[in-house]
Amino acid sequence: MARIFLLIVGGIVIFIIVALLVIAAFKDELAYLSMTPGDPFDAAAVPPAPDYAQPSAWAARPETRDAADQIPAASRARNNQADAEVDVFFIAPTTYYNRKSWNGAIDDADARERMDEFVLKYQASAFNGAGRIYAPLYRQATLGAFFPKNREDGDKALEVAYEDVRRAFRHYMDTDNKGRPFILAAHSQGSRHLVNLLRDEIDGTPLAQRMIAAYAVGFALPTDLFTRVYKTIQPCAAPTQTGCVVSWNSFSAQDSDPSSLFDNIGFQFDGAYESNTGKTLLCVNPLRWTQTGDVAPANENLGAIPTTDGAMSKPEAGVTGARCRDGVLYISPPQENGFSGLVLPGGNYHIYDYNLFYMNIRRNAEERTRAYLAAAS
């Protein structure tokens, strides 16, 4: 009887080991299958377009109570939206993970929960000390749209998403902005749309003179965007420079693999897709706001915000240092809780791009705003 029991247990152990080996060998394919819709993109199946004249089409607005109003506990941070002289147009990252369709409806319950509990709370709120926050809901492309083998369908889904963002920005400019200076900010998919918004609506127009800065975080921006696409907009090279673009992608300094930033991401140049392979990426260190490759030690980190349930917790200073090298922001892996549960394969701290540098981002947005207003006056 004991022998039979041991044989059964041994069989289960062998099965588990084999299963783990299969998962390890085919993890990329399994991820692809779990995130890719089963049918090709179909324009007729896309959810209805948002009406940006309706409050329900916005995740955050300055006159409403929303998660972008939050401030860190036990800090001197203030939500200054009621008195701010400038605006913030924030473009959210992907919160729609479902494979049932290439684009998500703006009232998708799961996507909206992630928007409120993570994106507005830990990302958009970083700007409420500098300006009034406008964050549109849009028909996001699902995660599967970013797999290289899904480029044809994915690009169609991303175009739907971008056109929503562009319409939302035009509505905001026509009805809400009233000539005020503004900050553009985004993360991940939102930063991809921000790159296009800069090209189509800002660069070479009078709006470029009112743009304080664009924080295009968590998406790999090749530096040739600033020579081949944008006529006037340049990368940021100093903490109080205005009219420029900030970007970084966070990876562990220990045993990381940032190759996906180069091989799996690209942009359209003159109507043809070019991957980032072999290109130089923009990296602005969010501890020093320069592109130099020197190490900013952890004591320059004013406060990271760990992910927690409920209200935002207090900032934790000195959680990590950072260094730009070869277009990638390398960080010392945080030892504290709240910064490890969502680390992606390859040592990719993408989810925490804002959390890790929250108080530095907050201060920099306020400093750039003051610099812009001082120069304008």
Protein backbone atom coordinates (compact mmCIF):
# COMPACT_ATOMS: atom_id res chain seq x y z
CA MET A 1 0.00 0.00 0.00
CA ALA A 2 2.83 2.37 0.95
CA ARG A 3 4.59 1.49 -2.29
CA ILE A 4 1.47 2.37 -4.31
CA PHE A 5 1.16 5.64 -2.41
CA LEU A 6 4.79 6.52 -3.18
CA LEU A 7 4.29 5.66 -6.83
CA ILE A 8 1.24 7.93 -6.98
CA VAL A 9 3.08 10.79 -5.24
CA GLY A 10 6.10 10.27 -7.49
CA GLY A 11 3.86 10.35 -10.56
CA ILE A 12 2.28 13.60 -9.41
CA VAL A 13 5.71 15.16 -8.80
CA ILE A 14 6.91 14.08 -12.24
CA PHE A 15 3.74 15.48 -13.82
CA ILE A 16 4.24 18.83 -12.07
CA ILE A 17 7.89 19.00 -13.16
CA VAL A 18 6.98 18.20 -16.76
CA ALA A 19 4.16 20.75 -16.67
CA LEU A 20 6.53 23.42 -15.36
CA LEU A 21 9.08 22.59 -18.05
CA VAL A 22 6.38 22.86 -20.73
CA ILE A 23 5.22 26.19 -19.35
CA ALA A 24 8.80 27.48 -19.23
CA ALA A 25 9.49 26.32 -22.79
CA PHE A 26 6.30 27.75 -24.24
CA LYS A 27 5.65 30.69 -21.91
CA ASP A 28 5.80 33.24 -24.74
CA GLU A 29 3.36 31.24 -26.86
CA LEU A 30 1.04 30.70 -23.88
CA ALA A 31 1.09 34.45 -23.15
CA TYR A 32 0.35 35.15 -26.80
CA LEU A 33 -2.61 32.75 -26.84
CA SER A 34 -4.02 34.03 -23.55
CA MET A 35 -4.02 37.67 -24.69
CA THR A 36 -4.86 37.50 -28.40
CA PRO A 37 -8.50 37.65 -29.53
CA GLY A 38 -9.63 34.57 -31.39
CA ASP A 39 -10.93 36.45 -34.45
CA PRO A 40 -9.24 38.99 -36.74
CA PHE A 41 -9.91 42.67 -36.15
CA ASP A 42 -13.37 43.64 -37.37
CA ALA A 43 -14.31 47.32 -37.46
CA ALA A 44 -17.99 46.37 -37.16
CA ALA A 45 -17.30 44.71 -33.80
CA VAL A 46 -15.60 47.75 -32.24
CA PRO A 47 -17.56 49.17 -29.25
CA PRO A 48 -19.38 52.50 -29.68
CA ALA A 49 -17.22 55.63 -29.75
CA PRO A 50 -17.16 57.75 -26.57
CA ASP A 51 -18.96 61.09 -26.53
CA TYR A 52 -16.49 63.42 -24.85
CA ALA A 53 -19.20 66.00 -24.19
CA GLN A 54 -20.45 63.56 -21.53
CA PRO A 55 -18.77 63.31 -18.11
CA SER A 56 -19.06 59.51 -18.33
CA ALA A 57 -16.41 59.52 -21.09
CA TRP A 58 -13.76 60.80 -18.67
CA ALA A 59 -11.90 58.89 -15.98
CA ALA A 60 -10.89 62.13 -14.28
CA ARG A 61 -11.82 65.78 -14.53
CA PRO A 62 -10.99 68.63 -12.14
CA GLU A 63 -14.61 69.31 -11.22
CA THR A 64 -15.35 65.69 -10.26
CA ARG A 65 -14.20 63.61 -7.29
CA ASP A 66 -12.04 60.79 -8.61
CA ALA A 67 -8.95 58.76 -7.80
CA ALA A 68 -6.66 61.33 -9.47
CA ASP A 69 -7.41 63.60 -6.49
CA GLN A 70 -5.49 61.38 -4.07
CA ILE A 71 -2.29 62.50 -2.34
CA PRO A 72 0.21 60.41 -0.37
CA ALA A 73 -0.42 60.02 3.33
CA ALA A 74 1.86 61.77 5.82
CA SER A 75 3.36 64.06 3.19
CA ARG A 76 3.35 67.75 2.34
CA ALA A 77 1.74 67.04 -1.03
CA ARG A 78 -1.37 69.03 -1.89
CA ASN A 79 -4.08 68.55 -4.46
CA ASN A 80 -3.93 72.01 -6.08
CA GLN A 81 -6.42 71.45 -8.90
CA ALA A 82 -8.88 74.04 -7.59
CA ASP A 83 -6.28 76.82 -7.82
CA ALA A 84 -3.95 75.57 -10.58
CA GLU A 85 -3.05 77.87 -13.46
CA VAL A 86 -2.32 75.00 -15.84
CA ASP A 87 -3.93 71.76 -17.02
CA VAL A 88 -2.78 68.16 -17.31
CA PHE A 89 -4.05 65.92 -20.10
CA PHE A 90 -3.34 62.34 -18.99
CA ILE A 91 -3.53 59.32 -21.32
CA ALA A 92 -3.91 56.05 -19.44
CA PRO A 93 -2.02 52.81 -20.08
CA THR A 94 -3.71 49.53 -20.97
CA THR A 95 -6.23 48.41 -18.38
CA TYR A 96 -8.25 46.27 -20.81
CA TYR A 97 -6.74 42.76 -20.74
CA ASN A 98 -9.60 40.77 -22.24
CA ARG A 99 -9.16 38.67 -25.39
CA LYS A 100 -12.84 38.76 -26.31
CA SER A 101 -12.29 41.81 -28.54
CA TRP A 102 -9.44 43.90 -29.95
CA ASN A 103 -10.77 47.10 -28.35
CA GLY A 104 -12.45 47.46 -24.99
CA ALA A 105 -15.60 49.44 -24.27
CA ILE A 106 -15.05 52.42 -21.98
CA ASP A 107 -17.55 50.97 -19.48
CA ASP A 108 -15.77 47.61 -19.16
CA ALA A 109 -15.98 46.98 -15.41
CA ASP A 110 -12.60 45.27 -14.95
CA ALA A 111 -10.74 47.86 -17.01
CA ARG A 112 -12.40 50.71 -15.13
CA GLU A 113 -11.51 49.18 -11.77
CA ARG A 114 -7.85 49.00 -12.78
CA MET A 115 -8.10 52.59 -14.00
CA ASP A 116 -9.35 53.86 -10.65
CA GLU A 117 -7.41 51.61 -8.30
CA PHE A 118 -4.03 51.83 -10.01
CA VAL A 119 -3.69 54.26 -12.92
CA LEU A 120 -5.38 57.34 -11.50
CA LYS A 121 -4.21 56.56 -7.97
CA TYR A 122 -0.50 55.99 -8.67
CA GLN A 123 0.11 57.78 -11.96
CA ALA A 124 -2.27 60.63 -12.82
CA SER A 125 -2.37 61.85 -9.21
CA ALA A 126 1.35 62.66 -9.41
CA PHE A 127 0.34 65.76 -11.39
CA ASN A 128 -2.46 67.12 -9.18
CA GLY A 129 -0.02 69.45 -7.44
CA ALA A 130 0.81 71.09 -10.76
CA GLY A 131 -2.44 71.26 -12.70
CA ARG A 132 -6.06 70.33 -13.29
CA ILE A 133 -6.26 66.73 -14.47
CA TYR A 134 -8.26 65.63 -17.53
CA ALA A 135 -8.02 61.90 -18.26
CA PRO A 136 -10.24 60.57 -21.06
CA LEU A 137 -11.55 57.05 -21.26
CA TYR A 138 -10.88 55.52 -24.66
CA ARG A 139 -11.41 52.24 -26.47
CA GLN A 140 -8.06 50.77 -25.52
CA ALA A 141 -6.37 48.16 -27.67
CA THR A 142 -6.10 44.92 -25.71
CA LEU A 143 -2.67 43.65 -24.62
CA GLY A 144 -2.54 41.17 -27.50
CA ALA A 145 -2.30 44.08 -29.94
CA PHE A 146 1.35 44.57 -28.93
CA PHE A 147 2.63 41.14 -29.97
CA PRO A 148 4.73 41.50 -33.14
CA LYS A 149 2.92 38.63 -34.85
CA ASN A 150 -0.36 40.54 -34.33
CA ARG A 151 0.91 43.72 -35.98
CA GLU A 152 -1.73 43.94 -38.72
CA ASP A 153 -4.72 43.49 -36.41
CA GLY A 154 -3.00 45.22 -33.50
CA ASP A 155 -2.25 48.36 -35.49
CA LYS A 156 -5.91 48.63 -36.47
CA ALA A 157 -6.97 48.34 -32.83
CA LEU A 158 -4.36 50.88 -31.77
CA GLU A 159 -5.56 53.29 -34.45
CA VAL A 160 -9.10 53.09 -33.04
CA ALA A 161 -7.70 53.84 -29.60
CA TYR A 162 -5.56 56.72 -30.84
CA GLU A 163 -8.41 58.39 -32.72
CA ASP A 164 -10.41 58.38 -29.47
CA VAL A 165 -7.52 60.06 -27.67
CA ARG A 166 -7.16 62.61 -30.45
CA ARG A 167 -10.88 63.44 -30.38
CA ALA A 168 -10.76 63.73 -26.59
CA PHE A 169 -7.81 66.12 -26.81
CA ARG A 170 -9.57 68.27 -29.40
CA HIS A 171 -12.71 68.36 -27.27
CA TYR A 172 -10.64 69.35 -24.24
CA MET A 173 -8.94 72.11 -26.23
CA ASP A 174 -12.22 73.39 -27.66
CA THR A 175 -14.26 73.39 -24.46
CA ASP A 176 -12.05 73.18 -21.36
CA ASN A 177 -8.56 74.55 -21.93
CA LYS A 178 -9.42 78.21 -22.61
CA GLY A 179 -5.87 79.11 -23.60
CA ARG A 180 -4.13 77.71 -20.51
CA PRO A 181 -0.66 76.13 -20.53
CA PHE A 182 -0.74 72.35 -20.23
CA ILE A 183 1.24 69.23 -19.38
CA LEU A 184 0.81 66.02 -21.35
CA ALA A 185 1.43 62.80 -19.44
CA ALA A 186 0.93 59.10 -20.14
CA HIS A 187 2.16 55.58 -19.56
CA SER A 188 2.63 52.50 -21.76
CA GLN A 189 -0.08 52.35 -24.46
CA GLY A 190 -0.99 55.90 -23.49
CA SER A 191 2.55 57.04 -24.26
CA ARG A 192 2.35 55.48 -27.71
CA HIS A 193 -0.73 57.61 -28.34
CA LEU A 194 1.02 60.63 -26.84
CA VAL A 195 3.87 60.27 -29.36
CA ASN A 196 1.32 60.47 -32.18
CA LEU A 197 -0.60 63.30 -30.52
CA LEU A 198 2.60 65.35 -30.38
CA ARG A 199 3.12 64.71 -34.09
CA ASP A 200 -0.44 65.46 -35.20
CA GLU A 201 -1.67 68.16 -32.83
CA ILE A 202 1.28 69.88 -31.11
CA ASP A 203 4.55 69.94 -33.05
CA GLY A 204 4.93 72.98 -35.28
CA THR A 205 1.66 74.55 -34.07
CA PRO A 206 0.92 77.39 -31.61
CA LEU A 207 0.04 74.72 -29.02
CA ALA A 208 3.73 73.82 -28.78
CA GLN A 209 4.31 77.21 -27.13
CA ARG A 210 1.78 76.34 -24.40
CA MET A 211 3.07 72.82 -23.70
CA ILE A 212 5.03 72.78 -20.45
CA ALA A 213 6.31 69.22 -20.97
CA ALA A 214 5.25 65.78 -22.17
CA TYR A 215 5.88 62.80 -19.87
CA ALA A 216 5.79 59.83 -22.27
CA VAL A 217 6.73 57.16 -19.74
CA GLY A 218 6.89 53.39 -20.17
CA PHE A 219 7.12 53.18 -23.95
CA ALA A 220 10.37 52.91 -25.90
CA LEU A 221 10.91 56.16 -27.83
CA PRO A 222 13.73 56.10 -30.41
CA THR A 223 15.68 59.33 -30.48
CA ASP A 224 15.28 59.64 -34.25
CA LEU A 225 11.67 60.71 -33.59
CA PHE A 226 13.20 64.09 -32.76
CA THR A 227 15.05 64.38 -36.07
CA ARG A 228 12.74 62.59 -38.50
CA VAL A 229 9.23 63.27 -37.16
CA TYR A 230 9.13 66.32 -34.88
CA LYS A 231 10.08 69.70 -36.30
CA THR A 232 10.47 71.66 -33.07
CA ILE A 233 9.88 69.38 -30.06
CA GLN A 234 13.04 68.09 -28.38
CA PRO A 235 13.88 65.68 -25.54
CA CYS A 236 14.23 67.15 -22.06
CA ALA A 237 17.80 67.56 -20.85
CA ALA A 238 17.34 69.65 -17.67
CA PRO A 239 14.90 69.66 -14.71
CA THR A 240 13.20 72.96 -15.57
CA GLN A 241 13.38 72.82 -19.36
CA THR A 242 9.95 73.27 -20.95
CA GLY A 243 8.31 72.34 -24.24
CA CYS A 244 10.19 69.03 -24.23
CA VAL A 245 9.63 65.26 -23.82
CA VAL A 246 10.54 63.02 -20.90
CA SER A 247 10.66 59.22 -21.19
CA TRP A 248 12.11 56.21 -19.39
CA ASN A 249 11.65 52.44 -19.11
CA SER A 250 12.60 50.85 -15.78
CA PHE A 251 14.60 47.60 -15.59
CA SER A 252 16.50 45.87 -12.82
CA ALA A 253 20.24 46.46 -12.84
CA GLN A 254 20.63 42.77 -11.99
CA ASP A 255 20.12 40.05 -14.64
CA SER A 256 17.63 41.98 -16.76
CA ASP A 257 16.81 41.66 -20.45
CA PRO A 258 15.49 44.87 -22.05
CA SER A 259 15.64 43.47 -25.61
CA SER A 260 11.83 43.71 -25.94
CA LEU A 261 12.14 47.53 -26.00
CA PHE A 262 14.16 47.24 -29.19
CA ASP A 263 12.86 44.14 -30.96
CA ASN A 264 9.11 44.27 -30.20
CA ILE A 265 8.43 48.02 -30.43
CA GLY A 266 8.63 50.39 -33.36
CA PHE A 267 7.04 53.34 -35.13
CA GLN A 268 5.91 54.42 -38.56
CA PHE A 269 8.45 56.53 -40.45
CA ASP A 270 7.38 57.85 -43.86
CA GLY A 271 4.58 55.28 -43.97
CA ALA A 272 6.77 52.27 -43.21
CA TYR A 273 7.15 50.44 -39.90
CA GLU A 274 10.62 50.44 -38.31
CA SER A 275 11.44 48.49 -35.16
CA ASN A 276 13.70 49.99 -32.51
CA THR A 277 16.36 47.36 -33.17
CA GLY A 278 19.75 49.03 -33.43
CA LYS A 279 18.38 52.45 -32.47
CA THR A 280 19.11 54.70 -29.50
CA LEU A 281 16.22 55.14 -27.06
CA LEU A 282 15.39 58.24 -25.07
CA CYS A 283 16.09 57.86 -21.35
CA VAL A 284 15.61 60.77 -18.96
CA ASN A 285 16.55 59.84 -15.41
CA PRO A 286 13.58 60.75 -13.16
CA LEU A 287 15.87 61.36 -10.20
CA ARG A 288 17.95 64.02 -11.97
CA TRP A 289 15.93 64.81 -15.12
CA THR A 290 18.97 64.55 -17.37
CA GLN A 291 19.99 62.09 -20.09
CA THR A 292 23.49 61.56 -18.75
CA GLY A 293 24.68 58.11 -17.75
CA ASP A 294 25.79 58.95 -14.21
CA VAL A 295 24.28 57.03 -11.29
CA ALA A 296 21.68 58.86 -9.22
CA PRO A 297 21.91 57.17 -5.79
CA ALA A 298 18.91 56.08 -3.78
CA ASN A 299 19.21 59.03 -1.40
CA GLU A 300 18.04 61.27 -4.27
CA ASN A 301 14.75 59.37 -4.44
CA LEU A 302 12.27 61.62 -2.60
CA GLY A 303 9.69 58.90 -2.18
CA ALA A 304 8.25 55.87 -3.90
CA ILE A 305 4.63 54.83 -3.36
CA PRO A 306 4.01 51.11 -2.75
CA THR A 307 0.89 49.47 -4.12
CA THR A 308 -1.66 48.99 -1.35
CA ASP A 309 -5.38 48.55 -0.96
CA GLY A 310 -7.39 51.57 0.08
CA ALA A 311 -5.99 55.08 0.35
CA MET A 312 -2.52 55.90 -0.90
CA SER A 313 0.19 55.13 1.64
CA LYS A 314 3.00 57.44 2.71
CA PRO A 315 6.06 57.86 0.47
CA GLU A 316 9.10 55.69 1.11
CA ALA A 317 12.27 57.68 0.46
CA GLY A 318 15.46 56.08 -0.81
CA VAL A 319 13.82 52.97 -2.25
CA THR A 320 16.00 52.86 -5.36
CA GLY A 321 18.63 54.74 -7.31
CA ALA A 322 18.63 54.95 -11.11
CA ARG A 323 20.97 55.23 -14.08
CA CYS A 324 20.38 55.67 -17.81
CA ARG A 325 22.50 53.31 -19.89
CA ASP A 326 22.00 52.46 -23.57
CA GLY A 327 18.55 54.05 -23.53
CA VAL A 328 17.28 51.99 -20.57
CA LEU A 329 16.71 53.16 -16.98
CA TYR A 330 18.41 50.65 -14.68
CA ILE A 331 17.33 50.59 -11.04
CA SER A 332 18.56 48.82 -7.93
CA PRO A 333 15.75 46.30 -7.20
CA PRO A 334 13.70 47.55 -4.22
CA GLN A 335 13.72 45.36 -1.13
CA GLU A 336 10.55 46.85 0.33
CA ASN A 337 7.11 45.29 -0.05
CA GLY A 338 4.81 46.85 -2.63
CA PHE A 339 7.35 47.01 -5.47
CA SER A 340 7.88 43.39 -6.52
CA GLY A 341 4.58 41.60 -7.06
CA LEU A 342 4.07 42.93 -10.59
CA VAL A 343 7.61 42.79 -11.99
CA LEU A 344 7.48 41.50 -15.57
CA PRO A 345 9.82 38.91 -17.13
CA GLY A 346 13.33 40.14 -17.90
CA GLY A 347 13.51 42.26 -14.75
CA ASN A 348 11.05 44.75 -16.26
CA TYR A 349 9.64 47.19 -13.67
CA HIS A 350 7.23 48.64 -16.25
CA ILE A 351 4.24 48.54 -13.90
CA TYR A 352 6.17 50.60 -11.35
CA ASP A 353 7.57 53.27 -13.71
CA TYR A 354 5.61 55.93 -11.82
CA ASN A 355 5.42 54.36 -8.34
CA LEU A 356 9.20 54.13 -7.92
CA PHE A 357 9.75 57.84 -8.59
CA TYR A 358 6.38 59.26 -7.55
CA MET A 359 7.53 62.16 -5.36
CA ASN A 360 10.30 63.15 -7.80
CA ILE A 361 7.77 63.22 -10.65
CA ARG A 362 5.42 65.27 -8.52
CA ARG A 363 8.09 67.83 -7.65
CA ASN A 364 9.40 68.02 -11.20
CA ALA A 365 5.95 68.70 -12.67
CA GLU A 366 5.57 71.57 -10.22
CA GLU A 367 9.09 72.89 -10.94
CA ARG A 368 8.62 72.85 -14.70
CA THR A 369 5.27 74.56 -14.27
CA ARG A 370 6.80 77.34 -12.15
CA ALA A 371 9.61 77.76 -14.68
CA TYR A 372 7.14 78.01 -17.54
CA LEU A 373 4.91 80.54 -15.76
CA ALA A 374 7.90 82.63 -14.71
CA ALA A 375 9.18 82.80 -18.28
CA ALA A 376 5.71 83.58 -19.63
CA SER A 377 5.24 86.46 -17.22
